[in-house]
N, C-alpha and C. Protein backbone atom coordinates (compact mmCIF):
# COMPACT_ATOMS: atom_id res chain seq x y z
N LEU A 1 0.81 -1.20 0.00
CA LEU A 1 0.00 0.00 0.00
C LEU A 1 0.85 1.27 0.00
N ASN A 2 2.13 1.12 -0.17
CA ASN A 2 3.03 2.25 -0.16
C ASN A 2 2.81 3.11 -1.40
N PRO A 3 2.48 4.40 -1.24
CA PRO A 3 2.26 5.27 -2.39
C PRO A 3 3.47 5.42 -3.31
N GLU A 4 4.67 5.13 -2.82
CA GLU A 4 5.86 5.26 -3.65
C GLU A 4 5.90 4.24 -4.79
N PHE A 5 5.11 3.16 -4.69
CA PHE A 5 5.09 2.15 -5.75
C PHE A 5 4.20 2.56 -6.92
N GLY A 6 3.36 3.59 -6.74
CA GLY A 6 2.56 4.11 -7.84
C GLY A 6 1.18 3.52 -8.01
N LEU A 7 0.80 2.52 -7.23
CA LEU A 7 -0.55 1.97 -7.34
C LEU A 7 -1.56 2.82 -6.59
N PHE A 8 -1.15 3.34 -5.46
CA PHE A 8 -2.03 4.15 -4.62
C PHE A 8 -1.39 5.52 -4.40
N LYS A 9 -2.22 6.47 -4.01
CA LYS A 9 -1.72 7.79 -3.64
C LYS A 9 -2.52 8.28 -2.44
N ILE A 10 -2.02 9.30 -1.79
CA ILE A 10 -2.73 9.88 -0.65
C ILE A 10 -3.88 10.71 -1.20
N GLY A 11 -5.09 10.47 -0.69
CA GLY A 11 -6.27 11.19 -1.16
C GLY A 11 -6.27 12.65 -0.76
N GLU A 12 -7.19 13.40 -1.37
CA GLU A 12 -7.28 14.83 -1.12
C GLU A 12 -8.15 15.17 0.08
N GLY A 13 -8.85 14.22 0.64
CA GLY A 13 -9.71 14.49 1.78
C GLY A 13 -8.93 14.80 3.04
N SER A 14 -9.65 15.13 4.07
CA SER A 14 -8.99 15.50 5.33
C SER A 14 -8.39 14.30 6.05
N ASN A 15 -8.80 13.08 5.69
CA ASN A 15 -8.34 11.88 6.38
C ASN A 15 -6.99 11.38 5.90
N GLN A 16 -6.55 11.84 4.71
CA GLN A 16 -5.30 11.38 4.11
C GLN A 16 -5.32 9.87 3.90
N ASN A 17 -6.44 9.34 3.44
CA ASN A 17 -6.58 7.92 3.14
C ASN A 17 -5.97 7.60 1.78
N LEU A 18 -5.71 6.33 1.55
CA LEU A 18 -5.15 5.89 0.28
C LEU A 18 -6.25 5.70 -0.75
N VAL A 19 -6.01 6.20 -1.96
CA VAL A 19 -6.91 6.03 -3.09
C VAL A 19 -6.11 5.43 -4.24
N ILE A 20 -6.79 4.89 -5.24
CA ILE A 20 -6.10 4.35 -6.41
C ILE A 20 -5.54 5.50 -7.22
N ASP A 21 -4.29 5.39 -7.61
CA ASP A 21 -3.65 6.42 -8.41
C ASP A 21 -4.03 6.23 -9.88
N PRO A 22 -4.69 7.22 -10.50
CA PRO A 22 -5.07 7.07 -11.91
C PRO A 22 -3.87 6.87 -12.83
N ASP A 23 -2.70 7.34 -12.44
CA ASP A 23 -1.50 7.18 -13.26
C ASP A 23 -0.90 5.78 -13.17
N SER A 24 -1.50 4.91 -12.36
CA SER A 24 -0.97 3.55 -12.21
C SER A 24 -1.09 2.75 -13.50
N ILE A 25 -1.90 3.22 -14.46
CA ILE A 25 -2.02 2.50 -15.73
C ILE A 25 -0.71 2.48 -16.51
N ALA A 26 0.21 3.35 -16.16
CA ALA A 26 1.51 3.39 -16.84
C ALA A 26 2.46 2.31 -16.35
N ILE A 27 2.13 1.67 -15.24
CA ILE A 27 2.98 0.61 -14.70
C ILE A 27 2.73 -0.67 -15.50
N PRO A 28 3.76 -1.29 -16.05
CA PRO A 28 3.55 -2.54 -16.78
C PRO A 28 2.90 -3.59 -15.88
N PHE A 29 1.90 -4.25 -16.41
CA PHE A 29 1.17 -5.31 -15.69
C PHE A 29 0.52 -4.79 -14.41
N PHE A 30 0.04 -3.53 -14.43
CA PHE A 30 -0.53 -2.95 -13.22
C PHE A 30 -1.72 -3.75 -12.68
N GLU A 31 -2.46 -4.42 -13.57
CA GLU A 31 -3.59 -5.23 -13.11
C GLU A 31 -3.13 -6.35 -12.17
N ARG A 32 -2.02 -6.96 -12.50
CA ARG A 32 -1.48 -8.04 -11.67
C ARG A 32 -1.04 -7.52 -10.30
N TYR A 33 -0.47 -6.33 -10.29
CA TYR A 33 -0.07 -5.74 -9.01
C TYR A 33 -1.29 -5.45 -8.13
N PHE A 34 -2.38 -4.97 -8.74
CA PHE A 34 -3.59 -4.73 -7.97
C PHE A 34 -4.20 -6.04 -7.46
N GLU A 35 -4.15 -7.08 -8.29
CA GLU A 35 -4.62 -8.39 -7.85
C GLU A 35 -3.80 -8.89 -6.66
N PHE A 36 -2.50 -8.70 -6.75
CA PHE A 36 -1.62 -9.12 -5.66
C PHE A 36 -1.91 -8.31 -4.39
N ALA A 37 -2.06 -6.99 -4.54
CA ALA A 37 -2.36 -6.15 -3.39
C ALA A 37 -3.68 -6.57 -2.75
N GLY A 38 -4.67 -6.88 -3.58
CA GLY A 38 -5.96 -7.33 -3.06
C GLY A 38 -5.85 -8.66 -2.33
N ALA A 39 -5.07 -9.57 -2.89
CA ALA A 39 -4.89 -10.87 -2.24
C ALA A 39 -4.18 -10.71 -0.90
N MET A 40 -3.18 -9.84 -0.86
CA MET A 40 -2.45 -9.61 0.40
C MET A 40 -3.34 -8.93 1.44
N LEU A 41 -4.17 -7.99 1.00
CA LEU A 41 -5.09 -7.34 1.93
C LEU A 41 -6.10 -8.35 2.48
N GLY A 42 -6.62 -9.19 1.59
CA GLY A 42 -7.57 -10.22 2.03
C GLY A 42 -6.94 -11.19 3.02
N LYS A 43 -5.73 -11.63 2.73
CA LYS A 43 -5.03 -12.54 3.64
C LYS A 43 -4.76 -11.88 4.98
N SER A 44 -4.34 -10.62 4.94
CA SER A 44 -4.05 -9.93 6.20
C SER A 44 -5.33 -9.75 7.03
N MET A 45 -6.46 -9.55 6.36
CA MET A 45 -7.72 -9.42 7.09
C MET A 45 -8.12 -10.75 7.72
N LEU A 46 -7.94 -11.83 6.98
CA LEU A 46 -8.29 -13.15 7.52
C LEU A 46 -7.43 -13.52 8.71
N GLU A 47 -6.17 -13.14 8.66
CA GLU A 47 -5.25 -13.49 9.74
C GLU A 47 -5.13 -12.39 10.80
N ARG A 48 -5.93 -11.35 10.65
CA ARG A 48 -5.95 -10.22 11.59
C ARG A 48 -4.58 -9.56 11.76
N VAL A 49 -3.91 -9.42 10.64
CA VAL A 49 -2.64 -8.70 10.60
C VAL A 49 -2.96 -7.37 9.95
N TYR A 50 -2.65 -6.28 10.61
CA TYR A 50 -3.04 -4.98 10.11
C TYR A 50 -2.00 -4.42 9.16
N ALA A 51 -2.48 -3.94 8.02
CA ALA A 51 -1.61 -3.33 7.02
C ALA A 51 -1.43 -1.85 7.34
N LYS A 52 -0.28 -1.34 6.99
CA LYS A 52 0.00 0.08 7.21
C LYS A 52 -0.75 0.88 6.15
N GLY A 53 -1.43 1.92 6.56
CA GLY A 53 -2.20 2.76 5.64
C GLY A 53 -3.69 2.46 5.76
N GLN A 54 -4.49 3.43 5.43
CA GLN A 54 -5.94 3.28 5.53
C GLN A 54 -6.55 3.56 4.17
N LEU A 55 -7.35 2.62 3.67
CA LEU A 55 -8.00 2.80 2.38
C LEU A 55 -9.13 3.80 2.50
N SER A 56 -9.41 4.50 1.42
CA SER A 56 -10.48 5.48 1.43
C SER A 56 -11.84 4.78 1.53
N ARG A 57 -12.83 5.56 1.95
CA ARG A 57 -14.18 5.03 2.14
C ARG A 57 -14.75 4.49 0.84
N TYR A 58 -14.55 5.21 -0.29
CA TYR A 58 -15.13 4.73 -1.54
C TYR A 58 -14.48 3.42 -1.98
N LEU A 59 -13.20 3.26 -1.73
CA LEU A 59 -12.52 2.03 -2.12
C LEU A 59 -13.00 0.86 -1.26
N LEU A 60 -13.14 1.07 0.04
CA LEU A 60 -13.65 0.02 0.92
C LEU A 60 -15.08 -0.37 0.55
N LYS A 61 -15.92 0.63 0.27
CA LYS A 61 -17.31 0.35 -0.10
C LYS A 61 -17.38 -0.43 -1.42
N THR A 62 -16.50 -0.08 -2.35
CA THR A 62 -16.46 -0.80 -3.62
C THR A 62 -16.04 -2.25 -3.41
N LEU A 63 -15.03 -2.48 -2.59
CA LEU A 63 -14.57 -3.84 -2.32
C LEU A 63 -15.63 -4.67 -1.61
N LEU A 64 -16.43 -4.02 -0.77
CA LEU A 64 -17.49 -4.73 -0.04
C LEU A 64 -18.78 -4.84 -0.83
N GLY A 65 -18.85 -4.20 -2.00
CA GLY A 65 -20.04 -4.27 -2.82
C GLY A 65 -21.16 -3.35 -2.37
N HIS A 66 -20.84 -2.33 -1.58
CA HIS A 66 -21.85 -1.38 -1.11
C HIS A 66 -22.05 -0.28 -2.14
N LYS A 67 -23.21 0.34 -2.10
CA LYS A 67 -23.53 1.42 -3.02
C LYS A 67 -22.75 2.69 -2.63
N LEU A 68 -22.24 3.39 -3.64
CA LEU A 68 -21.49 4.61 -3.41
C LEU A 68 -22.41 5.83 -3.42
N SER A 69 -21.99 6.87 -2.72
CA SER A 69 -22.71 8.13 -2.71
C SER A 69 -21.76 9.25 -3.08
N ILE A 70 -22.29 10.43 -3.28
CA ILE A 70 -21.45 11.58 -3.63
C ILE A 70 -20.47 11.88 -2.50
N ALA A 71 -20.87 11.65 -1.26
CA ALA A 71 -19.99 11.91 -0.13
C ALA A 71 -18.71 11.08 -0.19
N ASP A 72 -18.78 9.93 -0.84
CA ASP A 72 -17.60 9.07 -0.97
C ASP A 72 -16.55 9.66 -1.90
N LEU A 73 -16.96 10.58 -2.76
CA LEU A 73 -16.05 11.22 -3.70
C LEU A 73 -15.09 12.18 -3.00
N GLN A 74 -15.44 12.60 -1.80
CA GLN A 74 -14.67 13.61 -1.08
C GLN A 74 -13.22 13.17 -0.86
N ASP A 75 -12.98 11.91 -0.56
CA ASP A 75 -11.62 11.43 -0.33
C ASP A 75 -10.79 11.40 -1.60
N PHE A 76 -11.45 11.16 -2.73
CA PHE A 76 -10.72 11.00 -3.98
C PHE A 76 -10.41 12.34 -4.64
N ASP A 77 -11.43 13.18 -4.79
CA ASP A 77 -11.25 14.46 -5.48
C ASP A 77 -12.11 15.51 -4.80
N LYS A 78 -11.52 16.23 -3.87
CA LYS A 78 -12.26 17.18 -3.04
C LYS A 78 -12.90 18.29 -3.86
N SER A 79 -12.22 18.82 -4.86
CA SER A 79 -12.78 19.93 -5.64
C SER A 79 -13.98 19.48 -6.46
N THR A 80 -13.92 18.28 -7.05
CA THR A 80 -15.07 17.76 -7.79
C THR A 80 -16.23 17.50 -6.85
N TYR A 81 -15.94 16.97 -5.66
CA TYR A 81 -16.99 16.74 -4.66
C TYR A 81 -17.68 18.05 -4.29
N GLU A 82 -16.90 19.10 -4.01
CA GLU A 82 -17.48 20.38 -3.63
C GLU A 82 -18.28 21.00 -4.77
N SER A 83 -17.81 20.84 -6.00
CA SER A 83 -18.55 21.36 -7.16
C SER A 83 -19.87 20.63 -7.34
N MET A 84 -19.85 19.32 -7.23
CA MET A 84 -21.09 18.55 -7.37
C MET A 84 -22.07 18.85 -6.25
N LEU A 85 -21.56 19.02 -5.05
CA LEU A 85 -22.41 19.36 -3.92
C LEU A 85 -23.06 20.73 -4.14
N TYR A 86 -22.31 21.67 -4.67
CA TYR A 86 -22.86 22.99 -4.97
C TYR A 86 -23.98 22.90 -6.01
N VAL A 87 -23.76 22.11 -7.04
CA VAL A 87 -24.78 21.95 -8.08
C VAL A 87 -26.04 21.30 -7.51
N ILE A 88 -25.87 20.33 -6.64
CA ILE A 88 -27.03 19.66 -6.04
C ILE A 88 -27.81 20.62 -5.14
N GLU A 89 -27.10 21.42 -4.37
CA GLU A 89 -27.76 22.34 -3.44
C GLU A 89 -28.40 23.53 -4.14
N ASN A 90 -27.95 23.87 -5.33
CA ASN A 90 -28.48 24.99 -6.09
C ASN A 90 -29.17 24.46 -7.34
N GLU A 91 -30.46 24.23 -7.25
CA GLU A 91 -31.23 23.55 -8.29
C GLU A 91 -31.11 24.20 -9.67
N ASN A 92 -31.10 25.51 -9.74
CA ASN A 92 -31.14 26.20 -11.02
C ASN A 92 -29.76 26.47 -11.61
N ILE A 93 -28.72 26.00 -10.99
CA ILE A 93 -27.37 26.31 -11.46
C ILE A 93 -27.12 25.75 -12.86
N GLY A 94 -27.67 24.59 -13.17
CA GLY A 94 -27.48 24.00 -14.51
C GLY A 94 -28.08 24.86 -15.59
N ASP A 95 -29.25 25.46 -15.33
CA ASP A 95 -29.88 26.34 -16.32
C ASP A 95 -29.09 27.63 -16.48
N ILE A 96 -28.55 28.14 -15.39
CA ILE A 96 -27.83 29.41 -15.44
C ILE A 96 -26.49 29.25 -16.15
N LEU A 97 -25.75 28.22 -15.80
CA LEU A 97 -24.40 28.05 -16.34
C LEU A 97 -24.34 27.19 -17.60
N ASP A 98 -25.45 26.51 -17.92
CA ASP A 98 -25.48 25.59 -19.05
C ASP A 98 -24.32 24.59 -18.95
N THR A 99 -24.27 23.89 -17.82
CA THR A 99 -23.16 22.97 -17.54
C THR A 99 -23.55 21.53 -17.78
N ASP A 100 -22.53 20.70 -17.88
CA ASP A 100 -22.71 19.25 -17.89
C ASP A 100 -21.64 18.65 -16.98
N PHE A 101 -21.60 17.35 -16.87
CA PHE A 101 -20.65 16.69 -15.98
C PHE A 101 -19.53 16.04 -16.76
N THR A 102 -18.82 16.81 -17.52
CA THR A 102 -17.68 16.32 -18.28
C THR A 102 -16.43 16.48 -17.44
N TYR A 103 -15.62 15.43 -17.38
CA TYR A 103 -14.37 15.49 -16.63
C TYR A 103 -13.22 15.37 -17.60
N THR A 104 -12.28 16.28 -17.51
CA THR A 104 -11.08 16.23 -18.32
C THR A 104 -9.89 16.08 -17.39
N GLY A 105 -9.16 15.01 -17.54
CA GLY A 105 -8.01 14.75 -16.68
C GLY A 105 -6.72 14.80 -17.46
N THR A 106 -5.65 15.00 -16.74
CA THR A 106 -4.33 14.95 -17.36
C THR A 106 -3.54 13.79 -16.78
N TYR A 107 -2.85 13.09 -17.62
CA TYR A 107 -2.00 11.99 -17.20
C TYR A 107 -0.59 12.27 -17.66
N PHE A 108 0.31 12.33 -16.72
CA PHE A 108 1.72 12.56 -17.01
C PHE A 108 1.94 13.87 -17.76
N GLY A 109 1.18 14.89 -17.38
CA GLY A 109 1.37 16.23 -17.92
C GLY A 109 0.77 16.47 -19.29
N THR A 110 0.03 15.51 -19.84
CA THR A 110 -0.58 15.73 -21.16
C THR A 110 -2.08 15.70 -21.07
């Protein structure tokens, strides 16, 4: 779960929980590393050995098969969470700004 390996990063929320790093797709065979990390987490849970680091709420809920809410986005991307919350609380904002929910991300500076 060490963020230096590139699979996870420290989230933007106040808890500083671990989230999946979107740039991890650049790591060769990154899927296998995530499978291994999942297997190790599962084994450590079964044997009650605690791993260093705390996974974010949305990641834990996803692993447990629970339904996600907008509040779960707070750990991953605080600014997007605050923007979506503002839009929800202000009903007419979509008509005023003529907005949609398009996300544009950058990977490795491009």
